[in-house]
Amino acid sequence: MAMAASTLADLEAALGYQFREPRWLARALTHSSTLPELGPEHSGQDNERLEFLGDAVLELIVSEELVRAFPDWGEGPLSKSRARLVNAGSLAEAAQRLELGKHLRLGRGEEKTGGRSKPALLADAYEAIVAAIYLDSGLDAARAFVRRSLVEEAIARESERLGRPDHKSALQEFLQARGLAQASYRVVEEIGPDHRKTFRVEVRTGDGVTASGAGANKKEAEQSAARAALKLLGAAGS
């Protein structure tokens, strides 16, 4: 199951890590669909066990990074932020940035059905790569890879969002619990030049409550409007 030297070098350059034992990298990229085509001697040599281990290593590393980056946060915000960072969508995006898809070893069936771009396969491959690095060089090397490929950019770009309460979700849960229709949002005003625009959004709930909020972008304004609606509805914790 050896990889071509040129392919190995290209991928290691993208990962920012050179493997001592390239077999770990090859295994991390081997989907179970290809094993029947490789023969019975390769039974069990897909990336599923590495994916299992990588999931645990990844949660530990991301937890450490969040605790270090946000020393004032409690368990609730830390848990929610970790969930956002290690969910399948986030990991698939990281895998896409690394172009893992073009290096996956897939069976003919998965190849024909677009397996190289399937988010689930990409997320699994990312977790397997984390485990492969961990087994090849230990936790410090895995931590450096996760920081570089996933955590640092997310924290730098989204530190405020990661810790911000999700008022839209809270409003939706409040309405669903009372059998009311989903809230609807619409932009009612845009003020200022394009590079410094302020948006005002109106939200209408299923029982006729209307509220509004403003922000530097539509998502921020929607969160502000949802927060105002929760206050009008007397929702606890708003």
Protein backbone atom coordinates (compact mmCIF):
# COMPACT_ATOMS: atom_id res chain seq x y z
CA MET A 1 0.00 0.00 0.00
CA ALA A 2 2.93 2.32 -0.62
CA MET A 3 2.33 5.76 -2.09
CA ALA A 4 4.27 7.18 -5.03
CA ALA A 5 7.17 9.34 -3.86
CA SER A 6 5.98 12.41 -5.77
CA THR A 7 2.45 12.10 -4.38
CA LEU A 8 3.81 11.59 -0.89
CA ALA A 9 6.03 14.67 -1.11
CA ASP A 10 3.21 16.86 -2.42
CA LEU A 11 0.86 15.83 0.34
CA GLU A 12 3.45 16.14 3.09
CA ALA A 13 4.19 19.66 1.86
CA ALA A 14 0.49 20.52 2.13
CA LEU A 15 0.26 18.96 5.59
CA GLY A 16 3.43 20.69 6.78
CA TYR A 17 4.63 17.37 8.20
CA GLN A 18 7.05 14.70 6.94
CA PHE A 19 6.28 11.16 8.02
CA ARG A 20 8.95 8.93 9.51
CA GLU A 21 6.84 5.94 8.52
CA PRO A 22 4.89 6.72 5.32
CA ARG A 23 2.70 3.65 5.87
CA TRP A 24 0.67 5.65 8.40
CA LEU A 25 -0.12 8.29 5.80
CA ALA A 26 -1.04 5.67 3.20
CA ARG A 27 -3.37 3.97 5.63
CA ALA A 28 -5.00 7.26 6.67
CA LEU A 29 -5.98 7.83 3.04
CA THR A 30 -7.28 4.30 2.37
CA HIS A 31 -11.06 4.07 2.36
CA SER A 32 -12.65 0.71 3.14
CA SER A 33 -14.18 0.58 -0.36
CA THR A 34 -10.76 -0.08 -1.91
CA LEU A 35 -9.82 -3.11 0.21
CA PRO A 36 -11.72 -5.73 -1.84
CA GLU A 37 -9.78 -4.56 -4.88
CA LEU A 38 -6.42 -4.77 -3.07
CA GLY A 39 -6.87 -8.39 -2.04
CA PRO A 40 -7.45 -10.34 1.21
CA GLU A 41 -3.93 -9.64 2.48
CA HIS A 42 -4.97 -6.02 3.04
CA SER A 43 -8.00 -6.87 5.17
CA GLY A 44 -8.50 -4.35 7.97
CA GLN A 45 -5.93 -1.92 6.58
CA ASP A 46 -8.33 0.92 5.86
CA ASN A 47 -8.51 4.21 7.78
CA GLU A 48 -11.45 3.41 10.06
CA ARG A 49 -9.37 2.59 13.15
CA LEU A 50 -7.25 5.69 12.57
CA GLU A 51 -10.43 7.74 12.24
CA PHE A 52 -11.59 6.43 15.63
CA LEU A 53 -8.30 7.35 17.29
CA GLY A 54 -8.06 10.67 15.48
CA ASP A 55 -11.47 11.71 16.77
CA ALA A 56 -10.27 11.32 20.38
CA VAL A 57 -6.92 13.03 19.77
CA LEU A 58 -8.63 15.89 17.95
CA GLU A 59 -11.10 16.52 20.77
CA LEU A 60 -8.26 16.65 23.29
CA ILE A 61 -6.19 19.07 21.22
CA VAL A 62 -9.11 21.37 20.38
CA SER A 63 -10.18 21.37 24.05
CA GLU A 64 -6.65 22.38 25.10
CA GLU A 65 -6.50 25.15 22.51
CA LEU A 66 -9.88 26.61 23.48
CA VAL A 67 -9.05 26.55 27.20
CA ARG A 68 -5.78 28.32 26.45
CA ALA A 69 -7.32 30.87 24.08
CA PHE A 70 -10.37 31.71 26.20
CA PRO A 71 -9.38 31.49 29.89
CA ASP A 72 -12.58 33.20 31.07
CA TRP A 73 -15.02 30.81 29.41
CA GLY A 74 -17.01 28.24 31.36
CA GLU A 75 -17.81 24.68 30.36
CA GLY A 76 -20.89 25.61 28.31
CA PRO A 77 -19.22 27.99 25.80
CA LEU A 78 -16.16 25.75 25.62
CA SER A 79 -18.27 22.70 24.78
CA LYS A 80 -20.30 24.54 22.14
CA SER A 81 -17.17 25.98 20.54
CA ARG A 82 -15.45 22.61 20.46
CA ALA A 83 -18.52 21.10 18.82
CA ARG A 84 -18.42 23.78 16.13
CA LEU A 85 -14.74 23.19 15.43
CA VAL A 86 -14.78 19.39 15.30
CA ASN A 87 -18.08 18.81 13.50
CA ALA A 88 -18.02 17.04 10.14
CA GLY A 89 -18.54 20.23 8.16
CA SER A 90 -15.61 22.02 9.76
CA LEU A 91 -13.31 19.02 9.32
CA ALA A 92 -14.38 18.56 5.69
CA GLU A 93 -13.51 22.20 5.01
CA ALA A 94 -10.06 21.69 6.55
CA ALA A 95 -9.60 18.58 4.40
CA GLN A 96 -10.58 20.54 1.30
CA ARG A 97 -8.02 23.23 2.08
CA LEU A 98 -5.39 20.48 2.28
CA GLU A 99 -6.73 18.88 -0.92
CA LEU A 100 -7.00 15.51 0.78
CA GLY A 101 -9.70 14.43 -1.66
CA LYS A 102 -7.35 14.00 -4.59
CA HIS A 103 -5.08 11.73 -2.51
CA LEU A 104 -7.79 9.39 -1.17
CA ARG A 105 -7.57 5.72 -2.12
CA LEU A 106 -11.10 4.74 -3.11
CA GLY A 107 -12.81 1.74 -4.60
CA ARG A 108 -14.29 2.04 -8.08
CA GLY A 109 -17.80 2.45 -6.70
CA GLU A 110 -16.90 5.38 -4.45
CA GLU A 111 -14.84 6.90 -7.25
CA LYS A 112 -17.83 6.85 -9.60
CA THR A 113 -20.15 8.43 -7.04
CA GLY A 114 -17.88 11.39 -6.29
CA GLY A 115 -16.26 10.05 -3.13
CA ARG A 116 -13.34 12.45 -3.39
CA SER A 117 -15.63 15.39 -2.65
CA LYS A 118 -18.01 13.77 -0.14
CA PRO A 119 -17.88 15.78 3.12
CA ALA A 120 -18.19 12.65 5.30
CA LEU A 121 -15.23 10.93 3.63
CA LEU A 122 -13.14 14.10 3.80
CA ALA A 123 -13.91 14.62 7.49
CA ASP A 124 -13.01 10.99 8.22
CA ALA A 125 -9.75 11.36 6.30
CA TYR A 126 -8.82 14.47 8.28
CA GLU A 127 -9.35 12.61 11.58
CA ALA A 128 -7.30 9.70 10.24
CA ILE A 129 -4.46 12.07 9.30
CA VAL A 130 -4.45 13.45 12.85
CA ALA A 131 -4.13 9.91 14.21
CA ALA A 132 -1.45 9.03 11.66
CA ILE A 133 0.70 11.98 12.75
CA TYR A 134 0.06 11.13 16.40
CA LEU A 135 1.20 7.53 15.91
CA ASP A 136 4.17 8.61 13.80
CA SER A 137 5.56 11.31 16.11
CA GLY A 138 3.34 11.80 19.16
CA LEU A 139 0.96 14.37 20.58
CA ASP A 140 3.12 17.46 20.03
CA ALA A 141 3.34 16.82 16.30
CA ALA A 142 -0.40 16.16 16.07
CA ARG A 143 -1.09 19.33 18.06
CA ALA A 144 1.07 21.42 15.73
CA PHE A 145 -0.79 20.04 12.70
CA VAL A 146 -4.24 20.67 14.18
CA ARG A 147 -3.27 24.20 15.20
CA ARG A 148 -1.96 24.95 11.75
CA SER A 149 -4.72 23.34 9.70
CA LEU A 150 -7.82 23.94 11.83
CA VAL A 151 -7.64 25.80 15.13
CA GLU A 152 -5.50 28.90 14.64
CA GLU A 153 -7.46 30.22 11.67
CA ALA A 154 -10.79 29.50 13.32
CA ILE A 155 -9.87 31.22 16.58
CA ALA A 156 -8.32 34.21 14.82
CA ARG A 157 -11.29 34.65 12.49
CA GLU A 158 -14.18 33.64 14.70
CA SER A 159 -13.19 34.08 18.33
CA GLU A 160 -16.07 36.46 18.98
CA ARG A 161 -18.61 34.29 17.14
CA LEU A 162 -17.42 31.12 18.85
CA GLY A 163 -18.23 32.52 22.24
CA ARG A 164 -21.29 34.53 21.33
CA PRO A 165 -24.69 33.17 22.43
CA ASP A 166 -26.76 31.85 19.52
CA HIS A 167 -29.93 33.91 19.97
CA LYS A 168 -31.47 32.68 16.70
CA SER A 169 -31.30 29.06 17.84
CA ALA A 170 -32.58 30.02 21.29
CA LEU A 171 -35.56 31.82 19.73
CA GLN A 172 -36.35 28.89 17.47
CA GLU A 173 -36.23 26.45 20.39
CA PHE A 174 -38.49 28.77 22.42
CA LEU A 175 -41.05 28.90 19.59
CA GLN A 176 -40.94 25.17 18.85
CA ALA A 177 -41.51 24.35 22.51
CA ARG A 178 -44.77 26.30 22.29
CA GLY A 179 -45.90 24.83 18.96
CA LEU A 180 -45.38 28.11 17.10
CA ALA A 181 -44.14 28.60 13.54
CA GLN A 182 -40.52 29.35 12.76
CA ALA A 183 -39.43 32.98 13.01
CA SER A 184 -38.92 34.91 9.77
CA TYR A 185 -36.23 37.54 9.18
CA ARG A 186 -35.97 40.33 6.64
CA VAL A 187 -33.57 43.20 6.05
CA VAL A 188 -35.49 46.46 6.40
CA GLU A 189 -32.65 48.95 6.08
CA GLU A 190 -29.02 49.26 4.96
CA ILE A 191 -27.14 52.37 6.10
CA GLY A 192 -23.72 53.69 5.15
CA PRO A 193 -21.10 53.01 2.46
CA ASP A 194 -20.34 49.46 1.34
CA HIS A 195 -17.17 49.18 3.43
CA ARG A 196 -18.90 50.35 6.63
CA LYS A 197 -22.51 49.32 6.15
CA THR A 198 -24.98 48.77 8.99
CA PHE A 199 -27.89 46.38 8.51
CA ARG A 200 -31.21 46.53 10.34
CA VAL A 201 -33.20 43.31 10.39
CA GLU A 202 -36.78 42.70 11.49
CA VAL A 203 -37.89 39.38 12.92
CA ARG A 204 -41.51 38.22 13.16
CA THR A 205 -42.45 35.30 15.37
CA GLY A 206 -45.31 32.85 15.06
CA ASP A 207 -47.43 34.60 17.68
CA GLY A 208 -47.14 38.02 16.04
CA VAL A 209 -44.27 39.48 18.05
CA THR A 210 -42.05 41.75 15.93
CA ALA A 211 -38.61 42.96 16.92
CA SER A 212 -35.59 44.43 15.18
CA GLY A 213 -31.83 44.60 15.58
CA ALA A 214 -28.79 46.05 13.84
CA GLY A 215 -25.31 44.83 13.01
CA ALA A 216 -22.32 45.16 10.73
CA ASN A 217 -23.59 42.25 8.62
CA LYS A 218 -26.86 40.40 8.11
CA LYS A 219 -26.01 37.52 10.44
CA GLU A 220 -25.08 39.88 13.26
CA ALA A 221 -28.25 41.90 12.75
CA GLU A 222 -30.38 38.74 12.79
CA GLN A 223 -28.79 37.68 16.09
CA SER A 224 -29.52 41.13 17.52
CA ALA A 225 -33.14 40.98 16.35
CA ALA A 226 -33.58 37.48 17.80
CA ARG A 227 -32.20 38.67 21.13
CA ALA A 228 -34.70 41.55 21.14
CA ALA A 229 -37.53 39.13 20.36
CA LEU A 230 -36.53 36.85 23.22
CA LYS A 231 -36.67 39.79 25.60
CA LEU A 232 -40.14 40.76 24.38
CA LEU A 233 -41.28 37.18 24.82
CA GLY A 234 -39.86 37.08 28.33
CA ALA A 235 -37.61 34.12 27.54
CA ALA A 236 -35.28 33.23 30.40
CA GLY A 237 -31.59 33.77 29.82
CA SER A 238 -32.05 36.29 26.99
